Amino acid sequence: MPMSDYALAQLANERLAHAREVAARRALVRSLTPRRSLRIRLGGVLVALGRRLLAEPAPQPAAS
């Protein structure tokens, strides 16, 4: 049974209102959590890269 235009519009409005509520909640949580500075984030990335470069290479399969 096809949905009427009014029912479809109501459903879309409900879903849009819910999506806006979720986005607002996420924005609030994001604004309350402390952000690390660019220097700290960059340092973490460089440390991870250095550890990866120093790791032992994967063993190569023996040629038969």
PDB file of N, CA and C in Angstrom:
ATOM      1  N   MET A   1       0.843  -1.170   0.000  1.00  0.00           N
ATOM      2  CA  MET A   1       0.000   0.000   0.000  1.00  0.00           C
ATOM      3  C   MET A   1       0.888   1.234   0.000  1.00  0.00           C
ATOM      4  N   PRO A   2       0.732   2.104  -0.978  1.00  0.00           N
ATOM      5  CA  PRO A   2       1.591   3.293  -1.046  1.00  0.00           C
ATOM      6  C   PRO A   2       1.296   4.252   0.097  1.00  0.00           C
ATOM      7  N   MET A   3       2.339   4.968   0.492  1.00  0.00           N
ATOM      8  CA  MET A   3       2.226   5.929   1.573  1.00  0.00           C
ATOM      9  C   MET A   3       1.737   7.267   1.020  1.00  0.00           C
ATOM     10  N   SER A   4       0.913   7.939   1.775  1.00  0.00           N
ATOM     11  CA  SER A   4       0.440   9.240   1.312  1.00  0.00           C
ATOM     12  C   SER A   4       1.565  10.266   1.415  1.00  0.00           C
ATOM     13  N   ASP A   5       1.435  11.329   0.660  1.00  0.00           N
ATOM     14  CA  ASP A   5       2.458  12.373   0.689  1.00  0.00           C
ATOM     15  C   ASP A   5       2.587  12.982   2.082  1.00  0.00           C
ATOM     16  N   TYR A   6       1.471  13.144   2.771  1.00  0.00           N
ATOM     17  CA  TYR A   6       1.490  13.725   4.112  1.00  0.00           C
ATOM     18  C   TYR A   6       2.247  12.812   5.080  1.00  0.00           C
ATOM     19  N   ALA A   7       1.958  11.513   5.035  1.00  0.00           N
ATOM     20  CA  ALA A   7       2.633  10.567   5.932  1.00  0.00           C
ATOM     21  C   ALA A   7       4.121  10.516   5.627  1.00  0.00           C
ATOM     22  N   LEU A   8       4.471  10.550   4.355  1.00  0.00           N
ATOM     23  CA  LEU A   8       5.879  10.532   3.961  1.00  0.00           C
ATOM     24  C   LEU A   8       6.595  11.790   4.445  1.00  0.00           C
ATOM     25  N   ALA A   9       5.939  12.939   4.339  1.00  0.00           N
ATOM     26  CA  ALA A   9       6.535  14.194   4.817  1.00  0.00           C
ATOM     27  C   ALA A   9       6.708  14.164   6.336  1.00  0.00           C
ATOM     28  N   GLN A  10       5.733  13.615   7.048  1.00  0.00           N
ATOM     29  CA  GLN A  10       5.828  13.520   8.505  1.00  0.00           C
ATOM     30  C   GLN A  10       6.987  12.610   8.908  1.00  0.00           C
ATOM     31  N   LEU A  11       7.121  11.488   8.237  1.00  0.00           N
ATOM     32  CA  LEU A  11       8.208  10.560   8.520  1.00  0.00           C
ATOM     33  C   LEU A  11       9.560  11.221   8.253  1.00  0.00           C
ATOM     34  N   ALA A  12       9.663  11.933   7.146  1.00  0.00           N
ATOM     35  CA  ALA A  12      10.914  12.621   6.817  1.00  0.00           C
ATOM     36  C   ALA A  12      11.228  13.695   7.861  1.00  0.00           C
ATOM     37  N   ASN A  13      10.209  14.428   8.312  1.00  0.00           N
ATOM     38  CA  ASN A  13      10.423  15.457   9.334  1.00  0.00           C
ATOM     39  C   ASN A  13      10.881  14.855  10.653  1.00  0.00           C
ATOM     40  N   GLU A  14      10.320  13.703  11.020  1.00  0.00           N
ATOM     41  CA  GLU A  14      10.734  13.035  12.258  1.00  0.00           C
ATOM     42  C   GLU A  14      12.179  12.581  12.171  1.00  0.00           C
ATOM     43  N   ARG A  15      12.541  11.988  11.045  1.00  0.00           N
ATOM     44  CA  ARG A  15      13.922  11.510  10.885  1.00  0.00           C
ATOM     45  C   ARG A  15      14.909  12.671  10.861  1.00  0.00           C
ATOM     46  N   LEU A  16      14.529  13.765  10.213  1.00  0.00           N
ATOM     47  CA  LEU A  16      15.392  14.937  10.168  1.00  0.00           C
ATOM     48  C   LEU A  16      15.561  15.548  11.555  1.00  0.00           C
ATOM     49  N   ALA A  17      14.480  15.605  12.328  1.00  0.00           N
ATOM     50  CA  ALA A  17      14.562  16.133  13.690  1.00  0.00           C
ATOM     51  C   ALA A  17      15.458  15.252  14.548  1.00  0.00           C
ATOM     52  N   HIS A  18      15.347  13.936  14.371  1.00  0.00           N
ATOM     53  CA  HIS A  18      16.195  13.014  15.134  1.00  0.00           C
ATOM     54  C   HIS A  18      17.667  13.188  14.746  1.00  0.00           C
ATOM     55  N   ALA A  19      17.947  13.321  13.457  1.00  0.00           N
ATOM     56  CA  ALA A  19      19.324  13.512  12.993  1.00  0.00           C
ATOM     57  C   ALA A  19      19.899  14.816  13.534  1.00  0.00           C
ATOM     58  N   ARG A  20      19.095  15.864  13.572  1.00  0.00           N
ATOM     59  CA  ARG A  20      19.569  17.137  14.126  1.00  0.00           C
ATOM     60  C   ARG A  20      19.849  17.020  15.610  1.00  0.00           C
ATOM     61  N   GLU A  21      19.007  16.272  16.330  1.00  0.00           N
ATOM     62  CA  GLU A  21      19.209  16.075  17.765  1.00  0.00           C
ATOM     63  C   GLU A  21      20.502  15.313  18.034  1.00  0.00           C
ATOM     64  N   VAL A  22      20.752  14.279  17.257  1.00  0.00           N
ATOM     65  CA  VAL A  22      21.982  13.495  17.414  1.00  0.00           C
ATOM     66  C   VAL A  22      23.201  14.361  17.096  1.00  0.00           C
ATOM     67  N   ALA A  23      23.119  15.161  16.034  1.00  0.00           N
ATOM     68  CA  ALA A  23      24.237  16.030  15.656  1.00  0.00           C
ATOM     69  C   ALA A  23      24.503  17.073  16.740  1.00  0.00           C
ATOM     70  N   ALA A  24      23.449  17.621  17.317  1.00  0.00           N
ATOM     71  CA  ALA A  24      23.627  18.608  18.382  1.00  0.00           C
ATOM     72  C   ALA A  24      24.272  17.973  19.604  1.00  0.00           C
ATOM     73  N   ARG A  25      23.853  16.749  19.935  1.00  0.00           N
ATOM     74  CA  ARG A  25      24.432  16.048  21.089  1.00  0.00           C
ATOM     75  C   ARG A  25      25.917  15.760  20.850  1.00  0.00           C
ATOM     76  N   ARG A  26      26.246  15.317  19.646  1.00  0.00           N
ATOM     77  CA  ARG A  26      27.649  15.034  19.332  1.00  0.00           C
ATOM     78  C   ARG A  26      28.492  16.309  19.364  1.00  0.00           C
ATOM     79  N   ALA A  27      27.938  17.400  18.877  1.00  0.00           N
ATOM     80  CA  ALA A  27      28.664  18.671  18.896  1.00  0.00           C
ATOM     81  C   ALA A  27      28.907  19.125  20.330  1.00  0.00           C
ATOM     82  N   LEU A  28      27.934  18.910  21.200  1.00  0.00           N
ATOM     83  CA  LEU A  28      28.098  19.271  22.607  1.00  0.00           C
ATOM     84  C   LEU A  28      29.194  18.441  23.260  1.00  0.00           C
ATOM     85  N   VAL A  29      29.181  17.144  23.013  1.00  0.00           N
ATOM     86  CA  VAL A  29      30.216  16.271  23.579  1.00  0.00           C
ATOM     87  C   VAL A  29      31.587  16.670  23.045  1.00  0.00           C
ATOM     88  N   ARG A  30      31.661  16.953  21.746  1.00  0.00           N
ATOM     89  CA  ARG A  30      32.937  17.349  21.135  1.00  0.00           C
ATOM     90  C   ARG A  30      33.454  18.655  21.733  1.00  0.00           C
ATOM     91  N   SER A  31      32.538  19.575  22.056  1.00  0.00           N
ATOM     92  CA  SER A  31      32.966  20.858  22.607  1.00  0.00           C
ATOM     93  C   SER A  31      33.437  20.724  24.053  1.00  0.00           C
ATOM     94  N   LEU A  32      33.001  19.679  24.749  1.00  0.00           N
ATOM     95  CA  LEU A  32      33.378  19.503  26.153  1.00  0.00           C
ATOM     96  C   LEU A  32      34.662  18.711  26.329  1.00  0.00           C
ATOM     97  N   THR A  33      35.044  17.922  25.331  1.00  0.00           N
ATOM     98  CA  THR A  33      36.262  17.130  25.459  1.00  0.00           C
ATOM     99  C   THR A  33      37.468  17.987  25.093  1.00  0.00           C
ATOM    100  N   PRO A  34      38.520  17.909  25.893  1.00  0.00           N
ATOM    101  CA  PRO A  34      39.705  18.714  25.587  1.00  0.00           C
ATOM    102  C   PRO A  34      40.406  18.196  24.333  1.00  0.00           C
ATOM    103  N   ARG A  35      40.841  19.109  23.511  1.00  0.00           N
ATOM    104  CA  ARG A  35      41.551  18.740  22.293  1.00  0.00           C
ATOM    105  C   ARG A  35      43.041  18.859  22.525  1.00  0.00           C
ATOM    106  N   ARG A  36      43.762  17.918  21.964  1.00  0.00           N
ATOM    107  CA  ARG A  36      45.213  17.978  22.069  1.00  0.00           C
ATOM    108  C   ARG A  36      45.736  18.961  21.035  1.00  0.00           C
ATOM    109  N   SER A  37      46.817  19.600  21.375  1.00  0.00           N
ATOM    110  CA  SER A  37      47.374  20.584  20.459  1.00  0.00           C
ATOM    111  C   SER A  37      47.974  19.886  19.235  1.00  0.00           C
ATOM    112  N   LEU A  38      48.189  20.662  18.200  1.00  0.00           N
ATOM    113  CA  LEU A  38      48.763  20.123  16.969  1.00  0.00           C
ATOM    114  C   LEU A  38      50.155  19.552  17.240  1.00  0.00           C
ATOM    115  N   ARG A  39      50.900  20.198  18.100  1.00  0.00           N
ATOM    116  CA  ARG A  39      52.260  19.742  18.409  1.00  0.00           C
ATOM    117  C   ARG A  39      52.232  18.348  19.036  1.00  0.00           C
ATOM    118  N   ILE A  40      51.294  18.106  19.943  1.00  0.00           N
ATOM    119  CA  ILE A  40      51.204  16.807  20.603  1.00  0.00           C
ATOM    120  C   ILE A  40      50.743  15.731  19.617  1.00  0.00           C
ATOM    121  N   ARG A  41      49.750  16.066  18.789  1.00  0.00           N
ATOM    122  CA  ARG A  41      49.280  15.099  17.800  1.00  0.00           C
ATOM    123  C   ARG A  41      50.369  14.761  16.788  1.00  0.00           C
ATOM    124  N   LEU A  42      51.094  15.776  16.340  1.00  0.00           N
ATOM    125  CA  LEU A  42      52.169  15.548  15.378  1.00  0.00           C
ATOM    126  C   LEU A  42      53.270  14.702  16.006  1.00  0.00           C
ATOM    127  N   GLY A  43      53.581  14.963  17.257  1.00  0.00           N
ATOM    128  CA  GLY A  43      54.592  14.167  17.955  1.00  0.00           C
ATOM    129  C   GLY A  43      54.188  12.707  18.039  1.00  0.00           C
ATOM    130  N   GLY A  44      52.919  12.451  18.340  1.00  0.00           N
ATOM    131  CA  GLY A  44      52.432  11.076  18.404  1.00  0.00           C
ATOM    132  C   GLY A  44      52.529  10.372  17.063  1.00  0.00           C
ATOM    133  N   VAL A  45      52.212  11.087  16.002  1.00  0.00           N
ATOM    134  CA  VAL A  45      52.308  10.504  14.667  1.00  0.00           C
ATOM    135  C   VAL A  45      53.762  10.199  14.325  1.00  0.00           C
ATOM    136  N   LEU A  46      54.668  11.100  14.663  1.00  0.00           N
ATOM    137  CA  LEU A  46      56.088  10.870  14.361  1.00  0.00           C
ATOM    138  C   LEU A  46      56.649   9.701  15.172  1.00  0.00           C
ATOM    139  N   VAL A  47      56.240   9.574  16.419  1.00  0.00           N
ATOM    140  CA  VAL A  47      56.688   8.446  17.239  1.00  0.00           C
ATOM    141  C   VAL A  47      56.172   7.139  16.652  1.00  0.00           C
ATOM    142  N   ALA A  48      54.908   7.102  16.260  1.00  0.00           N
ATOM    143  CA  ALA A  48      54.351   5.888  15.667  1.00  0.00           C
ATOM    144  C   ALA A  48      55.062   5.543  14.362  1.00  0.00           C
ATOM    145  N   LEU A  49      55.367   6.553  13.561  1.00  0.00           N
ATOM    146  CA  LEU A  49      56.082   6.319  12.306  1.00  0.00           C
ATOM    147  C   LEU A  49      57.481   5.778  12.584  1.00  0.00           C
ATOM    148  N   GLY A  50      58.175   6.355  13.561  1.00  0.00           N
ATOM    149  CA  GLY A  50      59.509   5.874  13.910  1.00  0.00           C
ATOM    150  C   GLY A  50      59.498   4.436  14.387  1.00  0.00           C
ATOM    151  N   ARG A  51      58.507   4.083  15.204  1.00  0.00           N
ATOM    152  CA  ARG A  51      58.405   2.701  15.683  1.00  0.00           C
ATOM    153  C   ARG A  51      58.155   1.749  14.518  1.00  0.00           C
ATOM    154  N   ARG A  52      57.325   2.196  13.586  1.00  0.00           N
ATOM    155  CA  ARG A  52      57.034   1.345  12.438  1.00  0.00           C
ATOM    156  C   ARG A  52      58.271   1.156  11.562  1.00  0.00           C
ATOM    157  N   LEU A  53      59.057   2.225  11.399  1.00  0.00           N
ATOM    158  CA  LEU A  53      60.264   2.123  10.577  1.00  0.00           C
ATOM    159  C   LEU A  53      61.333   1.264  11.243  1.00  0.00           C
ATOM    160  N   LEU A  54      61.365   1.253  12.562  1.00  0.00           N
ATOM    161  CA  LEU A  54      62.367   0.459  13.279  1.00  0.00           C
ATOM    162  C   LEU A  54      61.960  -0.995  13.449  1.00  0.00           C
ATOM    163  N   ALA A  55      60.731  -1.336  13.176  1.00  0.00           N
ATOM    164  CA  ALA A  55      60.258  -2.703  13.349  1.00  0.00           C
ATOM    165  C   ALA A  55      60.978  -3.620  12.385  1.00  0.00           C
ATOM    166  N   GLU A  56      61.080  -4.860  12.787  1.00  0.00           N
ATOM    167  CA  GLU A  56      61.738  -5.839  11.947  1.00  0.00           C
ATOM    168  C   GLU A  56      60.892  -6.076  10.695  1.00  0.00           C
ATOM    169  N   PRO A  57      61.527  -6.195   9.542  1.00  0.00           N
ATOM    170  CA  PRO A  57      60.751  -6.467   8.333  1.00  0.00           C
ATOM    171  C   PRO A  57      60.136  -7.856   8.391  1.00  0.00           C
ATOM    172  N   ALA A  58      59.052  -8.034   7.675  1.00  0.00           N
ATOM    173  CA  ALA A  58      58.383  -9.347   7.634  1.00  0.00           C
ATOM    174  C   ALA A  58      59.308 -10.356   6.973  1.00  0.00           C
ATOM    175  N   PRO A  59      59.332 -11.571   7.496  1.00  0.00           N
ATOM    176  CA  PRO A  59      60.216 -12.572   6.891  1.00  0.00           C
ATOM    177  C   PRO A  59      59.764 -12.908   5.463  1.00  0.00           C
ATOM    178  N   GLN A  60      60.748 -13.062   4.598  1.00  0.00           N
ATOM    179  CA  GLN A  60      60.468 -13.375   3.191  1.00  0.00           C
ATOM    180  C   GLN A  60      60.333 -14.887   3.049  1.00  0.00           C
ATOM    181  N   PRO A  61      59.358 -15.330   2.248  1.00  0.00           N
ATOM    182  CA  PRO A  61      59.220 -16.792   2.048  1.00  0.00           C
ATOM    183  C   PRO A  61      60.437 -17.322   1.291  1.00  0.00           C
ATOM    184  N   ALA A  62      60.840 -18.529   1.674  1.00  0.00           N
ATOM    185  CA  ALA A  62      62.006 -19.145   1.030  1.00  0.00           C
ATOM    186  C   ALA A  62      61.651 -19.580  -0.392  1.00  0.00           C
ATOM    187  N   ALA A  63      62.561 -19.302  -1.311  1.00  0.00           N
ATOM    188  CA  ALA A  63      62.335 -19.701  -2.714  1.00  0.00           C
ATOM    189  C   ALA A  63      62.571 -21.202  -2.823  1.00  0.00           C
ATOM    190  N   SER A  64      61.678 -21.899  -3.532  1.00  0.00           N
ATOM    191  CA  SER A  64      61.843 -23.355  -3.658  1.00  0.00           C
ATOM    192  C   SER A  64      62.513 -23.720  -4.943  1.00  0.00           C
TER     193      SER A  64
END
